[in-house]
Protein backbone atom coordinates (compact mmCIF):
# COMPACT_ATOMS: atom_id res chain seq x y z
CA MET A 1 246.61 189.30 131.39
CA ARG A 2 246.43 190.13 127.68
CA LYS A 3 243.11 191.08 126.12
CA THR A 4 241.49 188.42 124.00
CA GLU A 5 241.38 189.07 120.27
CA ALA A 6 238.95 187.23 118.01
CA LEU A 7 239.17 187.04 114.24
CA LEU A 8 235.68 186.18 112.99
CA ILE A 9 235.56 184.83 109.44
CA GLY A 10 232.00 184.77 108.10
CA GLY A 11 230.33 184.24 104.77
CA ARG A 12 227.70 182.29 102.95
CA SER A 13 227.90 178.53 102.39
CA GLY A 14 230.40 177.70 99.67
CA VAL A 15 232.45 180.90 100.04
CA GLY A 16 235.48 179.08 101.48
CA LYS A 17 235.38 179.88 105.22
CA SER A 18 236.80 176.57 106.41
CA SER A 19 239.55 176.45 103.78
CA VAL A 20 240.53 180.06 104.44
CA GLY A 21 240.37 179.56 108.22
CA LEU A 22 242.70 176.59 108.04
CA GLU A 23 245.13 178.52 105.82
CA VAL A 24 245.00 181.52 108.18
CA ALA A 25 245.89 179.16 111.05
CA ALA A 26 248.76 177.71 108.98
CA ARG A 27 250.12 181.19 108.25
CA LEU A 28 249.91 182.18 111.90
CA ARG A 29 251.76 178.98 112.90
CA ALA A 30 254.44 179.73 110.30
CA ALA A 31 254.85 183.20 111.83
CA ASP A 32 254.88 181.68 115.34
CA VAL A 33 251.78 183.65 116.35
CA GLY A 34 249.90 181.91 119.14
CA HIS A 35 246.22 181.29 118.43
CA ALA A 36 243.40 178.77 118.59
CA TYR A 37 241.25 177.81 115.61
CA ILE A 38 237.59 176.91 116.09
CA GLU A 39 235.18 175.87 113.36
CA GLY A 40 231.95 177.38 114.69
CA ASP A 41 229.68 175.01 112.80
CA THR A 42 230.80 172.16 115.03
CA LEU A 43 229.69 173.87 118.24
CA ASP A 44 225.98 173.29 117.71
CA ALA A 45 226.02 170.00 115.78
CA VAL A 46 223.32 168.30 117.84
CA HIS A 47 219.89 166.99 116.82
CA PRO A 48 217.26 167.57 117.94
CA ALA A 49 217.82 171.12 119.11
CA PRO A 50 217.82 171.49 122.90
CA ASP A 51 214.41 172.34 124.36
CA GLY A 52 213.79 176.08 124.28
CA ASP A 53 216.83 176.70 122.05
CA PRO A 54 215.72 176.08 118.44
CA HIS A 55 218.64 178.08 117.00
CA ARG A 56 221.10 176.26 119.27
CA SER A 57 222.62 179.53 120.49
CA GLY A 58 222.82 178.35 124.10
CA ILE A 59 224.77 175.20 123.30
CA THR A 60 227.03 177.18 120.96
CA GLU A 61 227.80 179.66 123.75
CA ARG A 62 228.48 176.89 126.30
CA ASN A 63 230.75 174.95 123.94
CA LEU A 64 232.66 178.06 122.84
CA ALA A 65 233.17 179.14 126.46
CA ALA A 66 234.37 175.65 127.43
CA LEU A 67 236.84 175.41 124.56
CA TRP A 68 238.07 178.95 125.13
CA ALA A 69 238.63 178.26 128.85
CA ASN A 70 240.84 175.32 127.90
CA TYR A 71 242.79 177.42 125.40
CA THR A 72 243.26 180.35 127.79
CA ASP A 73 244.58 177.91 130.40
CA LEU A 74 247.34 177.26 127.87
CA GLY A 75 248.04 181.00 127.60
CA CYS A 76 246.16 181.58 124.34
CA HIS A 77 244.64 185.02 123.76
CA ARG A 78 243.91 184.97 120.01
CA LEU A 79 241.05 183.11 118.35
CA VAL A 80 240.41 182.38 114.68
CA TYR A 81 236.71 181.51 114.40
CA THR A 82 234.78 180.55 111.28
CA ASN A 83 231.01 180.55 111.06
CA THR A 84 228.52 181.86 108.53
CA ALA A 85 226.83 184.46 110.74
CA SER A 86 229.75 185.38 113.02
CA VAL A 87 230.20 188.84 111.44
CA LEU A 88 226.63 189.92 112.10
CA GLY A 89 226.35 192.59 114.76
CA SER A 90 223.56 190.55 116.35
CA GLU A 91 226.09 187.78 117.11
CA GLU A 92 228.41 189.97 119.17
CA TRP A 93 226.74 188.84 122.42
CA LEU A 94 228.09 185.32 121.86
CA PHE A 95 231.72 186.44 121.87
CA ALA A 96 231.20 189.00 124.62
CA SER A 97 229.78 186.23 126.82
CA ALA A 98 231.95 183.23 125.91
CA LEU A 99 235.24 185.15 125.46
CA ARG A 100 234.51 187.92 127.99
CA GLY A 101 234.63 190.98 125.77
CA PRO A 102 237.34 190.41 123.17
CA ARG A 103 238.67 192.83 120.59
CA ILE A 104 236.81 191.64 117.50
CA ILE A 105 238.12 191.66 113.93
CA ARG A 106 235.44 190.77 111.38
CA VAL A 107 236.09 189.52 107.86
CA LEU A 108 233.24 188.67 105.50
CA LEU A 109 234.26 186.41 102.63
CA THR A 110 232.22 187.03 99.49
CA ALA A 111 231.68 185.15 96.23
CA SER A 112 229.32 185.31 93.28
CA ASP A 113 226.34 182.99 92.97
CA ALA A 114 228.08 181.15 90.10
CA THR A 115 231.24 180.55 92.14
CA VAL A 116 229.26 179.33 95.14
CA GLU A 117 227.14 177.02 92.97
CA ASP A 118 230.30 175.45 91.50
CA ARG A 119 231.83 174.95 94.95
CA LEU A 120 228.68 173.59 96.58
CA THR A 121 227.98 171.26 93.64
CA ALA A 122 231.47 169.78 94.08
CA ARG A 123 231.09 169.54 97.88
CA GLU A 124 227.49 168.44 98.47
CA LEU A 125 227.28 164.87 97.27
CA GLY A 126 224.07 163.97 99.09
CA SER A 127 220.52 165.24 99.15
CA GLU A 128 221.30 168.70 100.56
CA LEU A 129 222.52 170.57 97.44
CA GLU A 130 219.32 172.44 96.54
CA GLN A 131 218.67 173.39 100.14
CA GLN A 132 222.31 174.57 100.55
CA LEU A 133 222.07 176.72 97.40
CA ARG A 134 218.84 178.37 98.61
CA ARG A 135 220.16 178.99 102.13
CA SER A 136 223.44 180.31 100.77
CA ALA A 137 221.71 182.87 98.55
CA LEU A 138 219.46 184.03 101.41
CA MET A 139 222.38 184.32 103.80
CA ALA A 140 224.47 186.25 101.27
CA ARG A 141 221.82 188.96 101.21
CA ARG A 142 221.45 188.95 105.00
CA LEU A 143 225.21 189.18 105.54
CA ASP A 144 225.57 191.98 103.00
CA GLU A 145 222.80 194.00 104.67
CA HIS A 146 223.52 193.27 108.34
CA ALA A 147 227.25 192.69 108.78
CA ALA A 148 228.66 194.89 111.53
CA ASP A 149 229.88 198.27 110.30
CA ASP A 150 233.55 197.46 110.91
CA THR A 151 233.45 194.28 108.81
CA ARG A 152 236.13 193.98 106.14
CA ARG A 153 234.97 192.26 102.94
CA VAL A 154 237.31 189.94 101.04
CA ALA A 155 236.30 188.53 97.64
CA THR A 156 237.14 184.88 96.97
CA ASP A 157 236.11 184.53 93.30
CA GLY A 158 238.95 183.24 91.14
CA ARG A 159 241.54 183.63 93.92
CA ARG A 160 243.91 181.17 95.54
CA ILE A 161 243.26 180.26 99.18
CA GLU A 162 246.78 181.43 100.07
CA ASP A 163 246.10 184.91 98.68
CA ILE A 164 242.75 185.21 100.43
CA ALA A 165 244.27 184.08 103.72
CA ALA A 166 247.08 186.63 103.34
CA ASP A 167 244.45 189.38 103.11
CA VAL A 168 242.65 188.03 106.17
CA VAL A 169 245.84 187.76 108.24
CA ALA A 170 246.77 191.32 107.22
CA ALA A 171 243.44 192.52 108.63
CA THR A 172 244.41 191.25 112.10
CA GLY A 173 247.70 193.06 112.53
CA TRP A 174 248.91 189.95 114.39
CA THR A 175 251.97 189.37 112.26
CA SER A 176 254.43 191.21 110.14
CA LEU A 177 255.56 188.03 108.39
CA LYS A 178 257.29 189.17 105.23
CA SER A 179 258.43 186.06 103.45
CA PRO A 180 259.50 186.58 99.81
CA GLU A 181 256.31 184.78 98.73
CA THR A 182 254.14 187.16 100.78
CA ILE A 183 255.93 190.23 99.47
CA SER A 184 255.63 189.17 95.83
CA ARG A 185 251.92 188.36 96.17
CA ALA A 186 251.27 191.67 97.94
CA GLY A 187 253.09 193.48 95.14
CA ARG A 188 250.98 191.81 92.45
CA ALA A 189 247.74 192.61 94.25
CA ASN A 190 248.41 196.35 94.32
């Protein structure tokens, strides 16, 4: 049985985790690299929080383990997972438990306050904008200070999703896809 590998894409609200995660999954499909994609924010979307679990970590673990069991039954051994705090060293227990000790690749997406404010203002159409901006700024500091030591940082300011995703995929070592488009973008970046 092959060892599980988990690509954890973290970052503050408004940094582009979901968009980048979906593009990473698209690139892996194009390269015919087997994987599963899980949006971590959906694993604990329950209100009120379960008794005794105000941070919803127990339900997150159970849901991740259940989904992963289904994917491994299909022969999957690579996971692309997006969630704000996933790159924190304190979150490693979740993946060790639910995925049974995977090789972990951490990528922290970063963006300036101005970029995040623009993105969140466009996205948050309801009453949550001010709260999202405050939480995003607090989490940016926490992630910068407490991301696991092996976390790779990838800036998203002023960059195309495709270019960011190419950097993230390169961090995995899962593919050597060298389409002309990939080669030309890599050449411009250096």
